[in-house]
Amino acid sequence: MISYFSIKIKDMPYIKIEVTREGVTREQKQALIKGVTDLMSDVLNKDPQLTFVVIQEYDLDDWGHAGEQVSVLREKGITAERKK
């Protein structure tokens, strides 16, 4: 039983999504989990029942880009929002 479980663990997809803590809703997280799971199944033929998705949120002070904390970028009006 343990060796079978170990073999399955080795072959299962694990996807980690990292985002800043800026109000991602429960519904949005569910959509991300479903979307990534479906993508792994469709593209790589992975079993959705063996696919794990983890969403890790970070405070704006704990994430940086181009030498600046994201909290500072937000204060400057710089966001990751798609332009319309």
C-alpha atoms as a PDB file:
ATOM      1  CA  MET A   1       0.000   0.000   0.000  1.00  0.00           C
ATOM      2  CA  ILE A   2       2.701   2.520   0.882  1.00  0.00           C
ATOM      3  CA  SER A   3       4.797   1.794  -2.226  1.00  0.00           C
ATOM      4  CA  TYR A   4       1.719   2.090  -4.481  1.00  0.00           C
ATOM      5  CA  PHE A   5       0.885   5.441  -2.884  1.00  0.00           C
ATOM      6  CA  SER A   6       4.482   6.597  -3.329  1.00  0.00           C
ATOM      7  CA  ILE A   7       4.427   5.710  -7.011  1.00  0.00           C
ATOM      8  CA  LYS A   8       1.168   7.591  -7.544  1.00  0.00           C
ATOM      9  CA  ILE A   9       2.441  10.636  -5.641  1.00  0.00           C
ATOM     10  CA  LYS A  10       5.505  10.770  -7.890  1.00  0.00           C
ATOM     11  CA  ASP A  11       3.360  10.875 -11.035  1.00  0.00           C
ATOM     12  CA  MET A  12       0.681  13.319  -9.919  1.00  0.00           C
ATOM     13  CA  PRO A  13       0.702  16.918 -11.177  1.00  0.00           C
ATOM     14  CA  TYR A  14       1.215  19.655  -8.589  1.00  0.00           C
ATOM     15  CA  ILE A  15       0.576  23.235  -9.691  1.00  0.00           C
ATOM     16  CA  LYS A  16       1.317  26.241  -7.488  1.00  0.00           C
ATOM     17  CA  ILE A  17      -0.233  29.600  -8.359  1.00  0.00           C
ATOM     18  CA  GLU A  18       1.279  32.611  -6.610  1.00  0.00           C
ATOM     19  CA  VAL A  19      -0.644  35.899  -6.459  1.00  0.00           C
ATOM     20  CA  THR A  20      -0.554  39.068  -4.447  1.00  0.00           C
ATOM     21  CA  ARG A  21      -3.177  39.430  -1.744  1.00  0.00           C
ATOM     22  CA  GLU A  22      -5.488  41.876  -3.502  1.00  0.00           C
ATOM     23  CA  GLY A  23      -8.956  40.486  -3.022  1.00  0.00           C
ATOM     24  CA  VAL A  24      -8.977  37.339  -5.137  1.00  0.00           C
ATOM     25  CA  THR A  25     -12.393  35.894  -4.361  1.00  0.00           C
ATOM     26  CA  ARG A  26     -13.285  32.331  -3.494  1.00  0.00           C
ATOM     27  CA  GLU A  27     -15.066  32.061  -6.848  1.00  0.00           C
ATOM     28  CA  GLN A  28     -12.008  33.313  -8.736  1.00  0.00           C
ATOM     29  CA  LYS A  29      -9.809  30.795  -6.921  1.00  0.00           C
ATOM     30  CA  GLN A  30     -12.239  28.023  -7.817  1.00  0.00           C
ATOM     31  CA  ALA A  31     -12.118  29.120 -11.469  1.00  0.00           C
ATOM     32  CA  LEU A  32      -8.301  29.057 -11.393  1.00  0.00           C
ATOM     33  CA  ILE A  33      -8.245  25.582  -9.827  1.00  0.00           C
ATOM     34  CA  LYS A  34     -10.775  24.234 -12.339  1.00  0.00           C
ATOM     35  CA  GLY A  35      -9.110  25.929 -15.301  1.00  0.00           C
ATOM     36  CA  VAL A  36      -5.602  24.697 -14.499  1.00  0.00           C
ATOM     37  CA  THR A  37      -6.868  21.189 -13.755  1.00  0.00           C
ATOM     38  CA  ASP A  38      -8.744  21.097 -17.080  1.00  0.00           C
ATOM     39  CA  LEU A  39      -5.687  22.438 -18.916  1.00  0.00           C
ATOM     40  CA  MET A  40      -3.453  19.697 -17.467  1.00  0.00           C
ATOM     41  CA  SER A  41      -6.026  17.106 -18.458  1.00  0.00           C
ATOM     42  CA  ASP A  42      -6.547  18.449 -21.994  1.00  0.00           C
ATOM     43  CA  VAL A  43      -2.925  19.234 -22.868  1.00  0.00           C
ATOM     44  CA  LEU A  44      -0.943  16.623 -20.936  1.00  0.00           C
ATOM     45  CA  ASN A  45      -3.631  13.951 -20.498  1.00  0.00           C
ATOM     46  CA  LYS A  46      -3.314  14.086 -16.689  1.00  0.00           C
ATOM     47  CA  ASP A  47      -5.998  12.594 -14.475  1.00  0.00           C
ATOM     48  CA  PRO A  48      -7.940  15.442 -12.794  1.00  0.00           C
ATOM     49  CA  GLN A  49      -8.416  13.220  -9.722  1.00  0.00           C
ATOM     50  CA  LEU A  50      -4.620  13.165  -9.223  1.00  0.00           C
ATOM     51  CA  THR A  51      -4.014  16.859  -9.937  1.00  0.00           C
ATOM     52  CA  PHE A  52      -3.287  19.163  -7.017  1.00  0.00           C
ATOM     53  CA  VAL A  53      -3.501  22.960  -7.261  1.00  0.00           C
ATOM     54  CA  VAL A  54      -2.278  25.274  -4.507  1.00  0.00           C
ATOM     55  CA  ILE A  55      -2.891  29.018  -4.461  1.00  0.00           C
ATOM     56  CA  GLN A  56      -0.417  30.992  -2.362  1.00  0.00           C
ATOM     57  CA  GLU A  57      -1.203  34.637  -1.610  1.00  0.00           C
ATOM     58  CA  TYR A  58       1.478  37.168  -0.694  1.00  0.00           C
ATOM     59  CA  ASP A  59       1.209  40.545   0.993  1.00  0.00           C
ATOM     60  CA  LEU A  60       2.084  43.432  -1.326  1.00  0.00           C
ATOM     61  CA  ASP A  61       5.147  44.255   0.782  1.00  0.00           C
ATOM     62  CA  ASP A  62       6.410  40.677   0.295  1.00  0.00           C
ATOM     63  CA  TRP A  63       6.359  40.719  -3.520  1.00  0.00           C
ATOM     64  CA  GLY A  64       8.622  42.798  -5.725  1.00  0.00           C
ATOM     65  CA  HIS A  65       9.045  43.641  -9.388  1.00  0.00           C
ATOM     66  CA  ALA A  66      11.758  45.673 -11.126  1.00  0.00           C
ATOM     67  CA  GLY A  67      13.360  46.544  -7.797  1.00  0.00           C
ATOM     68  CA  GLU A  68      10.192  47.833  -6.129  1.00  0.00           C
ATOM     69  CA  GLN A  69       7.750  46.353  -3.653  1.00  0.00           C
ATOM     70  CA  VAL A  70       4.350  45.850  -5.234  1.00  0.00           C
ATOM     71  CA  SER A  71       2.853  48.012  -2.476  1.00  0.00           C
ATOM     72  CA  VAL A  72       4.980  50.925  -3.734  1.00  0.00           C
ATOM     73  CA  LEU A  73       4.025  50.202  -7.355  1.00  0.00           C
ATOM     74  CA  ARG A  74       0.341  50.260  -6.402  1.00  0.00           C
ATOM     75  CA  GLU A  75       0.849  53.622  -4.655  1.00  0.00           C
ATOM     76  CA  LYS A  76       2.270  54.887  -7.964  1.00  0.00           C
ATOM     77  CA  GLY A  77      -0.848  53.649  -9.757  1.00  0.00           C
ATOM     78  CA  ILE A  78       0.893  50.727 -11.454  1.00  0.00           C
ATOM     79  CA  THR A  79      -1.300  47.628 -11.544  1.00  0.00           C
ATOM     80  CA  ALA A  80      -1.434  44.284 -13.313  1.00  0.00           C
ATOM     81  CA  GLU A  81      -4.916  44.981 -14.659  1.00  0.00           C
ATOM     82  CA  ARG A  82      -5.401  44.271 -18.356  1.00  0.00           C
ATOM     83  CA  LYS A  83      -5.882  47.454 -20.368  1.00  0.00           C
ATOM     84  CA  LYS A  84      -9.352  47.770 -21.930  1.00  0.00           C
END
